[in-house]
Amino acid sequence: MLGEEIIKNLSELILAINIVALFPNGIISIDACYRRLKEYLINSLNQVRKSREDRRTLFSTTYFTAFLKYTYRHFLETINKPFDFIKVLRIYNPITFNLAEYLLNFLKYIKLTNELIEFAVPITASSLFLDSYPPKVYSKYYPTRKLSHANFNIAFKPKTIFNTIYKDVFY
């Protein structure tokens, strides 16, 4: 059974090989000779980048190295629990244990429905939204720009951050 699976995987790998024909050296310029290969590689890299952006797994080498280190430690300790990238990002920046108390204290100063809608909810929501950025990224890259999905690729979807870290506080 394992042999069949290996053969199947090997067949899939062989079928995934792409061959790019190049002109022989000396007939045309070096740039023209390798143009097809260059275009193929750039197109492939763009597809991979787009795929990573769509899945929100486009990380810098700094974050990738940290993830790799923590993944290694995690699986040395246990192989039964899934690795949680979001919790790893929060190791050195944990959420305070009494966040619910802080939020209630903040909300007790809100007396009018209008203040709740126009002030308290947007402040709380923007704070949670900023938490979808990896630590220190927004101040490093955009110290004077307004943050939005348009000018920075956030690491994780805000909803995923909320469900992983804050859901227990709000429900």
N, C-alpha and C. Protein backbone atom coordinates (compact mmCIF):
# COMPACT_ATOMS: atom_id res chain seq x y z
N MET A 1 0.82 -1.19 0.00
CA MET A 1 0.00 0.00 0.00
C MET A 1 0.87 1.26 0.00
N LEU A 2 1.90 1.29 0.83
CA LEU A 2 2.81 2.42 0.86
C LEU A 2 3.54 2.56 -0.47
N GLY A 3 3.93 1.43 -1.05
CA GLY A 3 4.59 1.44 -2.35
C GLY A 3 3.72 2.06 -3.43
N GLU A 4 2.41 1.75 -3.42
CA GLU A 4 1.48 2.32 -4.39
C GLU A 4 1.37 3.83 -4.21
N GLU A 5 1.35 4.27 -2.94
CA GLU A 5 1.24 5.70 -2.66
C GLU A 5 2.50 6.43 -3.12
N ILE A 6 3.67 5.83 -2.89
CA ILE A 6 4.92 6.44 -3.33
C ILE A 6 4.94 6.56 -4.84
N ILE A 7 4.52 5.52 -5.53
CA ILE A 7 4.49 5.55 -7.00
C ILE A 7 3.50 6.61 -7.48
N LYS A 8 2.35 6.71 -6.82
CA LYS A 8 1.36 7.72 -7.20
C LYS A 8 1.95 9.11 -7.01
N ASN A 9 2.57 9.36 -5.85
CA ASN A 9 3.18 10.66 -5.59
C ASN A 9 4.30 10.96 -6.57
N LEU A 10 5.10 9.95 -6.89
CA LEU A 10 6.18 10.12 -7.84
C LEU A 10 5.63 10.47 -9.22
N SER A 11 4.55 9.80 -9.60
CA SER A 11 3.92 10.10 -10.89
C SER A 11 3.41 11.54 -10.94
N GLU A 12 2.79 11.99 -9.86
CA GLU A 12 2.30 13.37 -9.80
C GLU A 12 3.45 14.35 -9.90
N LEU A 13 4.57 14.04 -9.24
CA LEU A 13 5.73 14.92 -9.30
C LEU A 13 6.31 14.97 -10.71
N ILE A 14 6.39 13.83 -11.35
CA ILE A 14 6.92 13.80 -12.71
C ILE A 14 6.01 14.58 -13.66
N LEU A 15 4.71 14.43 -13.50
CA LEU A 15 3.77 15.15 -14.35
C LEU A 15 3.81 16.66 -14.10
N ALA A 16 4.28 17.07 -12.94
CA ALA A 16 4.35 18.49 -12.60
C ALA A 16 5.59 19.18 -13.16
N ILE A 17 6.51 18.42 -13.72
CA ILE A 17 7.73 19.00 -14.29
C ILE A 17 7.39 19.76 -15.56
N ASN A 18 7.87 20.97 -15.64
CA ASN A 18 7.67 21.79 -16.84
C ASN A 18 9.02 21.96 -17.54
N ILE A 19 9.01 21.83 -18.83
CA ILE A 19 10.24 21.99 -19.62
C ILE A 19 10.11 23.28 -20.42
N VAL A 20 11.14 24.11 -20.30
CA VAL A 20 11.16 25.36 -21.04
C VAL A 20 12.29 25.25 -22.06
N ALA A 21 11.92 25.31 -23.33
CA ALA A 21 12.92 25.20 -24.40
C ALA A 21 13.66 26.53 -24.55
N LEU A 22 14.99 26.43 -24.66
CA LEU A 22 15.83 27.62 -24.83
C LEU A 22 16.52 27.55 -26.18
N PHE A 23 16.84 28.71 -26.72
CA PHE A 23 17.61 28.75 -27.95
C PHE A 23 19.07 28.40 -27.62
N PRO A 24 19.78 27.78 -28.54
CA PRO A 24 21.18 27.46 -28.28
C PRO A 24 22.03 28.73 -28.17
N ASN A 25 23.09 28.64 -27.38
CA ASN A 25 24.00 29.79 -27.23
C ASN A 25 24.64 30.13 -28.57
N GLY A 26 24.87 31.41 -28.78
CA GLY A 26 25.59 31.87 -29.96
C GLY A 26 24.69 32.26 -31.11
N ILE A 27 23.46 31.75 -31.19
CA ILE A 27 22.57 32.08 -32.30
C ILE A 27 21.96 33.47 -32.10
N ILE A 28 21.54 33.74 -30.87
CA ILE A 28 20.97 35.05 -30.52
C ILE A 28 21.64 35.52 -29.24
N SER A 29 21.31 36.73 -28.81
CA SER A 29 21.93 37.28 -27.60
C SER A 29 21.57 36.44 -26.38
N ILE A 30 22.39 36.54 -25.35
CA ILE A 30 22.15 35.80 -24.10
C ILE A 30 20.79 36.18 -23.51
N ASP A 31 20.48 37.47 -23.54
CA ASP A 31 19.19 37.91 -22.99
C ASP A 31 18.01 37.26 -23.72
N ALA A 32 18.10 37.25 -25.04
CA ALA A 32 17.03 36.65 -25.84
C ALA A 32 16.99 35.14 -25.64
N CYS A 33 18.16 34.54 -25.46
CA CYS A 33 18.25 33.08 -25.28
C CYS A 33 17.49 32.63 -24.04
N TYR A 34 17.60 33.40 -22.96
CA TYR A 34 17.00 33.00 -21.68
C TYR A 34 15.69 33.74 -21.37
N ARG A 35 15.17 34.51 -22.34
CA ARG A 35 13.96 35.28 -22.10
C ARG A 35 12.78 34.40 -21.70
N ARG A 36 12.57 33.28 -22.40
CA ARG A 36 11.45 32.37 -22.08
C ARG A 36 11.55 31.86 -20.64
N LEU A 37 12.77 31.46 -20.25
CA LEU A 37 12.97 30.96 -18.89
C LEU A 37 12.68 32.05 -17.87
N LYS A 38 13.18 33.25 -18.13
CA LYS A 38 12.95 34.38 -17.23
C LYS A 38 11.45 34.65 -17.08
N GLU A 39 10.74 34.71 -18.21
CA GLU A 39 9.30 34.96 -18.16
C GLU A 39 8.56 33.86 -17.43
N TYR A 40 8.97 32.61 -17.68
CA TYR A 40 8.33 31.48 -16.99
C TYR A 40 8.55 31.57 -15.48
N LEU A 41 9.78 31.86 -15.06
CA LEU A 41 10.08 31.96 -13.63
C LEU A 41 9.34 33.12 -12.97
N ILE A 42 9.31 34.26 -13.63
CA ILE A 42 8.60 35.42 -13.08
C ILE A 42 7.11 35.11 -12.96
N ASN A 43 6.53 34.50 -13.97
CA ASN A 43 5.11 34.13 -13.93
C ASN A 43 4.84 33.14 -12.79
N SER A 44 5.71 32.14 -12.64
CA SER A 44 5.55 31.16 -11.56
C SER A 44 5.66 31.82 -10.19
N LEU A 45 6.64 32.70 -10.03
CA LEU A 45 6.80 33.41 -8.75
C LEU A 45 5.59 34.28 -8.44
N ASN A 46 5.06 34.94 -9.45
CA ASN A 46 3.87 35.77 -9.26
C ASN A 46 2.67 34.93 -8.84
N GLN A 47 2.52 33.75 -9.44
CA GLN A 47 1.42 32.86 -9.07
C GLN A 47 1.55 32.40 -7.62
N VAL A 48 2.76 32.04 -7.20
CA VAL A 48 2.98 31.60 -5.83
C VAL A 48 2.73 32.75 -4.86
N ARG A 49 3.22 33.93 -5.19
CA ARG A 49 3.01 35.11 -4.34
C ARG A 49 1.51 35.40 -4.19
N LYS A 50 0.77 35.37 -5.31
CA LYS A 50 -0.67 35.63 -5.27
C LYS A 50 -1.38 34.58 -4.41
N SER A 51 -0.98 33.33 -4.58
CA SER A 51 -1.57 32.26 -3.77
C SER A 51 -1.31 32.48 -2.29
N ARG A 52 -0.09 32.87 -1.95
CA ARG A 52 0.23 33.14 -0.54
C ARG A 52 -0.51 34.35 -0.01
N GLU A 53 -0.67 35.38 -0.83
CA GLU A 53 -1.44 36.54 -0.41
C GLU A 53 -2.89 36.14 -0.14
N ASP A 54 -3.47 35.35 -1.06
CA ASP A 54 -4.86 34.92 -0.90
C ASP A 54 -5.06 34.11 0.37
N ARG A 55 -4.09 33.27 0.71
CA ARG A 55 -4.19 32.44 1.91
C ARG A 55 -3.63 33.14 3.14
N ARG A 56 -3.14 34.36 2.94
CA ARG A 56 -2.54 35.17 4.00
C ARG A 56 -1.38 34.44 4.67
N THR A 57 -0.51 33.92 3.84
CA THR A 57 0.69 33.25 4.34
C THR A 57 1.94 33.87 3.73
N LEU A 58 1.85 35.14 3.37
CA LEU A 58 2.98 35.84 2.79
C LEU A 58 3.72 36.55 3.92
N PHE A 59 4.73 35.91 4.45
CA PHE A 59 5.46 36.45 5.59
C PHE A 59 6.86 36.85 5.20
N SER A 60 7.43 37.78 5.93
CA SER A 60 8.83 38.15 5.71
C SER A 60 9.72 37.02 6.21
N THR A 61 10.98 37.05 5.82
CA THR A 61 11.90 36.01 6.28
C THR A 61 12.07 36.05 7.79
N THR A 62 11.96 37.22 8.38
CA THR A 62 12.06 37.32 9.84
C THR A 62 10.95 36.52 10.51
N TYR A 63 9.71 36.71 10.05
CA TYR A 63 8.59 35.98 10.64
C TYR A 63 8.64 34.50 10.27
N PHE A 64 9.05 34.21 9.03
CA PHE A 64 9.15 32.82 8.63
C PHE A 64 10.17 32.07 9.49
N THR A 65 11.31 32.70 9.76
CA THR A 65 12.33 32.09 10.61
C THR A 65 11.80 31.85 12.02
N ALA A 66 11.11 32.84 12.55
CA ALA A 66 10.53 32.68 13.89
C ALA A 66 9.49 31.56 13.90
N PHE A 67 8.62 31.53 12.89
CA PHE A 67 7.62 30.46 12.80
C PHE A 67 8.30 29.10 12.75
N LEU A 68 9.34 28.99 11.96
CA LEU A 68 10.05 27.73 11.83
C LEU A 68 10.65 27.28 13.16
N LYS A 69 11.23 28.23 13.88
CA LYS A 69 11.82 27.92 15.19
C LYS A 69 10.75 27.43 16.17
N TYR A 70 9.63 28.15 16.24
CA TYR A 70 8.57 27.76 17.18
C TYR A 70 7.86 26.48 16.74
N THR A 71 7.75 26.27 15.44
CA THR A 71 7.16 25.04 14.94
C THR A 71 8.01 23.85 15.36
N TYR A 72 9.30 24.00 15.20
CA TYR A 72 10.24 22.94 15.59
C TYR A 72 10.08 22.62 17.08
N ARG A 73 10.08 23.66 17.92
CA ARG A 73 9.91 23.44 19.37
C ARG A 73 8.57 22.79 19.69
N HIS A 74 7.54 23.28 19.01
CA HIS A 74 6.19 22.74 19.26
C HIS A 74 6.13 21.25 18.99
N PHE A 75 6.65 20.83 17.83
CA PHE A 75 6.54 19.42 17.47
C PHE A 75 7.55 18.54 18.19
N LEU A 76 8.55 19.14 18.84
CA LEU A 76 9.40 18.36 19.73
C LEU A 76 8.63 17.99 20.99
N GLU A 77 7.75 18.91 21.42
CA GLU A 77 6.99 18.69 22.64
C GLU A 77 5.74 17.83 22.39
N THR A 78 5.08 18.03 21.27
CA THR A 78 3.86 17.27 20.99
C THR A 78 3.62 17.19 19.48
N ILE A 79 3.14 16.07 19.05
CA ILE A 79 2.76 15.94 17.65
C ILE A 79 1.25 15.82 17.51
N ASN A 80 0.55 15.82 18.65
CA ASN A 80 -0.90 15.64 18.63
C ASN A 80 -1.69 16.94 18.53
N LYS A 81 -1.07 18.06 18.90
CA LYS A 81 -1.77 19.34 18.86
C LYS A 81 -1.33 20.11 17.61
N PRO A 82 -2.27 20.76 16.92
CA PRO A 82 -1.88 21.55 15.74
C PRO A 82 -1.10 22.79 16.16
N PHE A 83 -0.24 23.24 15.30
CA PHE A 83 0.55 24.45 15.54
C PHE A 83 -0.32 25.67 15.27
N ASP A 84 -0.32 26.64 16.16
CA ASP A 84 -1.15 27.83 16.02
C ASP A 84 -0.26 29.05 15.76
N PHE A 85 -0.23 29.50 14.51
CA PHE A 85 0.61 30.62 14.12
C PHE A 85 0.23 31.90 14.86
N ILE A 86 -1.05 32.10 15.07
CA ILE A 86 -1.51 33.33 15.72
C ILE A 86 -1.03 33.40 17.16
N LYS A 87 -1.14 32.29 17.87
CA LYS A 87 -0.68 32.28 19.26
C LYS A 87 0.83 32.48 19.35
N VAL A 88 1.56 31.98 18.36
CA VAL A 88 3.02 32.18 18.34
C VAL A 88 3.34 33.66 18.18
N LEU A 89 2.59 34.35 17.34
CA LEU A 89 2.83 35.79 17.18
C LEU A 89 2.62 36.55 18.49
N ARG A 90 1.84 35.99 19.39
CA ARG A 90 1.52 36.68 20.63
C ARG A 90 2.34 36.22 21.83
N ILE A 91 3.34 35.40 21.62
CA ILE A 91 4.13 34.88 22.75
C ILE A 91 4.73 36.02 23.57
N TYR A 92 5.31 37.01 22.92
CA TYR A 92 5.94 38.12 23.64
C TYR A 92 5.04 39.33 23.76
N ASN A 93 3.82 39.20 23.32
CA ASN A 93 2.85 40.28 23.42
C ASN A 93 1.48 39.69 23.76
N PRO A 94 1.40 39.03 24.91
CA PRO A 94 0.13 38.35 25.25
C PRO A 94 -0.98 39.35 25.59
N ILE A 95 -2.18 38.89 25.47
CA ILE A 95 -3.33 39.70 25.84
C ILE A 95 -3.47 39.64 27.35
N THR A 96 -3.75 40.77 27.93
CA THR A 96 -3.89 40.82 29.37
C THR A 96 -5.01 39.89 29.85
N PHE A 97 -4.79 39.26 30.96
CA PHE A 97 -5.78 38.30 31.48
C PHE A 97 -7.07 38.99 31.89
N ASN A 98 -7.02 40.28 32.18
CA ASN A 98 -8.23 40.98 32.63
C ASN A 98 -8.74 41.96 31.57
N LEU A 99 -8.66 41.57 30.31
CA LEU A 99 -9.14 42.41 29.22
C LEU A 99 -10.63 42.71 29.37
N ALA A 100 -11.42 41.73 29.74
CA ALA A 100 -12.87 41.94 29.91
C ALA A 100 -13.13 43.04 30.94
N GLU A 101 -12.37 43.03 32.01
CA GLU A 101 -12.53 44.06 33.05
C GLU A 101 -12.18 45.44 32.50
N TYR A 102 -11.11 45.54 31.70
CA TYR A 102 -10.73 46.81 31.09
C TYR A 102 -11.81 47.32 30.14
N LEU A 103 -12.37 46.41 29.33
CA LEU A 103 -13.42 46.81 28.41
C LEU A 103 -14.67 47.29 29.15
N LEU A 104 -15.04 46.58 30.19
CA LEU A 104 -16.20 47.01 30.98
C LEU A 104 -15.95 48.36 31.64
N ASN A 105 -14.76 48.58 32.12
CA ASN A 105 -14.41 49.86 32.72
C ASN A 105 -14.48 50.98 31.68
N PHE A 106 -13.99 50.72 30.48
CA PHE A 106 -14.07 51.68 29.38
C PHE A 106 -15.52 52.00 29.04
N LEU A 107 -16.34 50.96 28.93
CA LEU A 107 -17.74 51.14 28.52
C LEU A 107 -18.61 51.80 29.58
N LYS A 108 -18.21 51.75 30.84
CA LYS A 108 -19.04 52.39 31.87
C LYS A 108 -19.05 53.91 31.75
N TYR A 109 -18.09 54.48 31.00
CA TYR A 109 -18.06 55.92 30.78
C TYR A 109 -18.90 56.33 29.57
N ILE A 110 -19.42 55.37 28.86
CA ILE A 110 -20.26 55.65 27.70
C ILE A 110 -21.71 55.72 28.19
N LYS A 111 -22.28 56.89 28.10
CA LYS A 111 -23.63 57.09 28.66
C LYS A 111 -24.73 57.11 27.60
N LEU A 112 -24.40 57.48 26.38
CA LEU A 112 -25.41 57.62 25.34
C LEU A 112 -25.20 56.58 24.24
N THR A 113 -26.30 56.17 23.64
CA THR A 113 -26.22 55.22 22.53
C THR A 113 -25.37 55.78 21.40
N ASN A 114 -25.52 57.06 21.14
CA ASN A 114 -24.76 57.72 20.09
C ASN A 114 -23.24 57.61 20.36
N GLU A 115 -22.82 57.79 21.61
CA GLU A 115 -21.40 57.66 21.98
C GLU A 115 -20.92 56.22 21.76
N LEU A 116 -21.78 55.29 22.06
CA LEU A 116 -21.42 53.88 21.86
C LEU A 116 -21.20 53.61 20.37
N ILE A 117 -22.12 54.07 19.53
CA ILE A 117 -22.06 53.81 18.09
C ILE A 117 -20.92 54.59 17.42
N GLU A 118 -20.77 55.86 17.78
CA GLU A 118 -19.81 56.71 17.07
C GLU A 118 -18.41 56.72 17.68
N PHE A 119 -18.28 56.28 18.92
CA PHE A 119 -16.97 56.33 19.56
C PHE A 119 -16.47 54.98 20.06
N ALA A 120 -17.21 54.37 20.97
CA ALA A 120 -16.72 53.16 21.64
C ALA A 120 -16.54 51.98 20.69
N VAL A 121 -17.53 51.72 19.86
CA VAL A 121 -17.44 50.58 18.94
C VAL A 121 -16.32 50.78 17.91
N PRO A 122 -16.21 51.95 17.26
CA PRO A 122 -15.10 52.13 16.32
C PRO A 122 -13.71 52.04 16.97
N ILE A 123 -13.56 52.56 18.17
CA ILE A 123 -12.26 52.49 18.87
C ILE A 123 -11.92 51.04 19.16
N THR A 124 -12.87 50.30 19.68
CA THR A 124 -12.63 48.89 20.00
C THR A 124 -12.36 48.09 18.74
N ALA A 125 -13.16 48.31 17.71
CA ALA A 125 -12.98 47.58 16.45
C ALA A 125 -11.63 47.89 15.81
N SER A 126 -11.22 49.15 15.80
CA SER A 126 -9.94 49.49 15.18
C SER A 126 -8.78 48.90 15.97
N SER A 127 -8.92 48.82 17.28
CA SER A 127 -7.87 48.19 18.08
C SER A 127 -7.75 46.71 17.75
N LEU A 128 -8.87 46.05 17.61
CA LEU A 128 -8.85 44.63 17.24
C LEU A 128 -8.34 44.44 15.82
N PHE A 129 -8.70 45.37 14.92
CA PHE A 129 -8.22 45.28 13.54
C PHE A 129 -6.70 45.42 13.48
N LEU A 130 -6.14 46.37 14.23
CA LEU A 130 -4.69 46.54 14.23
C LEU A 130 -3.98 45.30 14.75
N ASP A 131 -4.68 44.52 15.53
CA ASP A 131 -4.08 43.30 16.07
C ASP A 131 -3.90 42.23 15.00
N SER A 132 -4.46 42.42 13.81
CA SER A 132 -4.25 41.45 12.74
C SER A 132 -2.93 41.67 12.03
N TYR A 133 -2.25 42.76 12.34
CA TYR A 133 -0.92 43.00 11.80
C TYR A 133 0.10 42.35 12.72
N PRO A 134 1.17 41.80 12.16
CA PRO A 134 2.22 41.28 13.03
C PRO A 134 2.77 42.40 13.91
N PRO A 135 3.24 42.09 15.12
CA PRO A 135 3.74 43.13 16.03
C PRO A 135 4.79 44.02 15.38
N LYS A 136 4.68 45.32 15.61
CA LYS A 136 5.61 46.36 15.19
C LYS A 136 5.64 46.61 13.69
N VAL A 137 4.89 45.89 12.89
CA VAL A 137 4.96 46.06 11.45
C VAL A 137 4.40 47.41 11.02
N TYR A 138 3.24 47.79 11.55
CA TYR A 138 2.60 49.00 11.07
C TYR A 138 3.40 50.24 11.39
N SER A 139 4.08 50.30 12.53
CA SER A 139 4.87 51.48 12.85
C SER A 139 6.15 51.53 12.03
N LYS A 140 6.69 50.37 11.67
CA LYS A 140 7.93 50.30 10.91
C LYS A 140 7.72 50.72 9.46
N TYR A 141 6.67 50.23 8.82
CA TYR A 141 6.49 50.46 7.40
C TYR A 141 5.62 51.66 7.07
N TYR A 142 4.65 51.96 7.88
CA TYR A 142 3.73 53.03 7.57
C TYR A 142 3.53 53.94 8.78
N PRO A 143 4.59 54.63 9.22
CA PRO A 143 4.45 55.44 10.43
C PRO A 143 3.48 56.61 10.29
N THR A 144 3.27 57.12 9.07
CA THR A 144 2.40 58.28 8.92
C THR A 144 1.20 58.01 8.02
N ARG A 145 1.07 56.77 7.51
CA ARG A 145 -0.03 56.47 6.60
C ARG A 145 -1.18 55.81 7.34
N LYS A 146 -2.37 56.07 6.83
CA LYS A 146 -3.54 55.40 7.38
C LYS A 146 -3.50 53.92 6.97
N LEU A 147 -3.71 53.04 7.91
CA LEU A 147 -3.65 51.61 7.63
C LEU A 147 -4.94 51.12 7.00
N SER A 148 -4.79 50.26 6.02
CA SER A 148 -5.94 49.63 5.40
C SER A 148 -5.48 48.40 4.65
N HIS A 149 -6.43 47.57 4.22
CA HIS A 149 -6.09 46.40 3.41
C HIS A 149 -5.38 46.83 2.13
N ALA A 150 -5.68 48.02 1.64
CA ALA A 150 -5.14 48.46 0.35
C ALA A 150 -3.64 48.73 0.40
N ASN A 151 -3.13 49.24 1.54
CA ASN A 151 -1.72 49.61 1.54
C ASN A 151 -0.82 48.68 2.36
N PHE A 152 -1.35 47.57 2.83
CA PHE A 152 -0.49 46.61 3.52
C PHE A 152 -1.18 45.26 3.56
N ASN A 153 -0.44 44.23 3.26
CA ASN A 153 -1.00 42.88 3.29
C ASN A 153 -0.92 42.35 4.71
N ILE A 154 -2.05 42.30 5.40
CA ILE A 154 -2.02 41.84 6.78
C ILE A 154 -1.75 40.34 6.82
N ALA A 155 -1.18 39.92 7.92
CA ALA A 155 -0.76 38.52 8.04
C ALA A 155 -1.94 37.57 8.19
N PHE A 156 -2.91 37.93 8.98
CA PHE A 156 -4.06 37.06 9.22
C PHE A 156 -5.33 37.86 9.10
N LYS A 157 -6.38 37.19 8.75
CA LYS A 157 -7.68 37.85 8.66
C LYS A 157 -8.09 38.30 10.06
N PRO A 158 -8.62 39.52 10.18
CA PRO A 158 -9.05 39.99 11.50
C PRO A 158 -10.04 39.05 12.18
N LYS A 159 -10.93 38.42 11.41
CA LYS A 159 -11.90 37.49 11.99
C LYS A 159 -11.18 36.29 12.62
N THR A 160 -10.12 35.81 11.99
CA THR A 160 -9.36 34.68 12.52
C THR A 160 -8.66 35.09 13.82
N ILE A 161 -8.08 36.28 13.84
CA ILE A 161 -7.45 36.80 15.06
C ILE A 161 -8.49 36.87 16.18
N PHE A 162 -9.64 37.44 15.86
CA PHE A 162 -10.70 37.57 16.86
C PHE A 162 -11.11 36.21 17.41
N ASN A 163 -11.37 35.25 16.52
CA ASN A 163 -11.83 33.93 16.96
C ASN A 163 -10.77 33.19 17.77
N THR A 164 -9.51 33.41 17.47
CA THR A 164 -8.44 32.72 18.17
C THR A 164 -8.14 33.35 19.52
N ILE A 165 -8.14 34.67 19.57
CA ILE A 165 -7.65 35.35 20.78
C ILE A 165 -8.75 35.99 21.62
N TYR A 166 -9.72 36.62 20.99
CA TYR A 166 -10.67 37.47 21.72
C TYR A 166 -12.05 36.88 21.93
N LYS A 167 -12.39 35.85 21.24
CA LYS A 167 -13.76 35.34 21.27
C LYS A 167 -14.25 35.07 22.69
N ASP A 168 -13.41 34.47 23.51
CA ASP A 168 -13.81 34.17 24.89
C ASP A 168 -14.11 35.42 25.70
N VAL A 169 -13.43 36.51 25.39
CA VAL A 169 -13.65 37.77 26.12
C VAL A 169 -15.00 38.37 25.77
N PHE A 170 -15.40 38.26 24.51
CA PHE A 170 -16.62 38.91 24.05
C PHE A 170 -17.87 38.06 24.13
N TYR A 171 -17.72 36.76 24.37
CA TYR A 171 -18.89 35.88 24.43
C TYR A 171 -19.02 35.26 25.79
